Amino acid sequence: MNMELRDIQNLIKFVAKSGASEVKLEMEDIKITIKTGSEKTETTILQQAPMGVQQMPVANVQPPVAEVAEVKDAVEKVNPEASKYIEITSPIIGTFYRKPSPDKPVFVEVGSQINADSVVCMIEAMKLFNEIEAEVSGKIVKILVEDGTPVEFGQPLYLVDPS
């Protein structure tokens, strides 16, 4: 199998969105290790070309983290009030639910006081329901996602006023 740079970049984006901490892919002509973490994302690609063909250099490819930061900075410049709030983001890809089950009340409303260990929603991924904790303390000021809609890795779910 011959992987192109585009395929490798798509694999990196997929792994980053999946929430996996490390993925190793080994085939006869290529070895790829993708490690993600809260502090850095590291990708090592070693490709061995058949004899007589020029060796492809080792590439260090990183997902477009800078783009996210640039967009966030642009939003803060346009709406400086939003910058005082903390976002609770989705740690995984899945379906966002505000309630533990259809007949139960929602976890939080606008105005709810939360702690770092408060459960704010559930995200269903591959038939597993994951309780998502706030990881911040404060008051919910805005709910950014509709109940029952798909969410991406890193997508903002709530805005919290930490004061």
Foldseek 3Di string as FASTA:
>chain_A
DDDDPVNVLVVQVVCQFALDQWDWDDDPFKIKIWGDDPVDTWIWIAGHDPPPDDGDDIDTDHHVPVVVVVVVVVVCVVPVVLVLWDFQFDQHWAWKAQAPDPVGDGQDDQFDWFAQQRFRTWGADPNDTHGRGRNATAGWHDADDDHGHIDIHGHTGTIGNRD
